[in-house]
Amino acid sequence: ENFGGFGPSGVASVGDTQCALTSWVSDSIMTCVTRPGTGQNKPVRISVSGQEGVLPGAYTFRPKPVVVAVHATNAPVLGGASLAFSGLHFGMVDNTPVARVGGTACASTVWESDVSLRCASPYGW
């Protein structure tokens, strides 16, 4: 709380790295676009008008997702075939991931677990 009113400028950081973009939302909410990083339990710092607040151990960077295998059936050119992605770091909860095939987003992606995604292939794949 006490981030001030009417959009004051503030600076936020995660660990020792300043956020790429810090935005004031309200007296009690600021957003931070993090830069790539690694580590667990990093402190979050916010500085507004010379006042600083620190929340120790508040943020953990997730590792980049890794695809280990893709299992597919023969797909019609119109798309829609089921593709099963096996890998690592797809997330512990459903964060609405978007799988891509050759840079083209799947028609739909379903999160199954931290190691499994399923998608309906895009047109042409």
Foldseek 3Di string as FASTA:
>chain_A
DQLDADWFDKWKDWAPGTFPDWTDDGRPDIDGHHDDDADFQTKMWMATPNDIDIDTRPDGDFDDWDFDDKDWDDADLQWFTKIKTFTAQPDADCPQDWDDDPNHTFPGKADDGRGIIMGTHHHRD
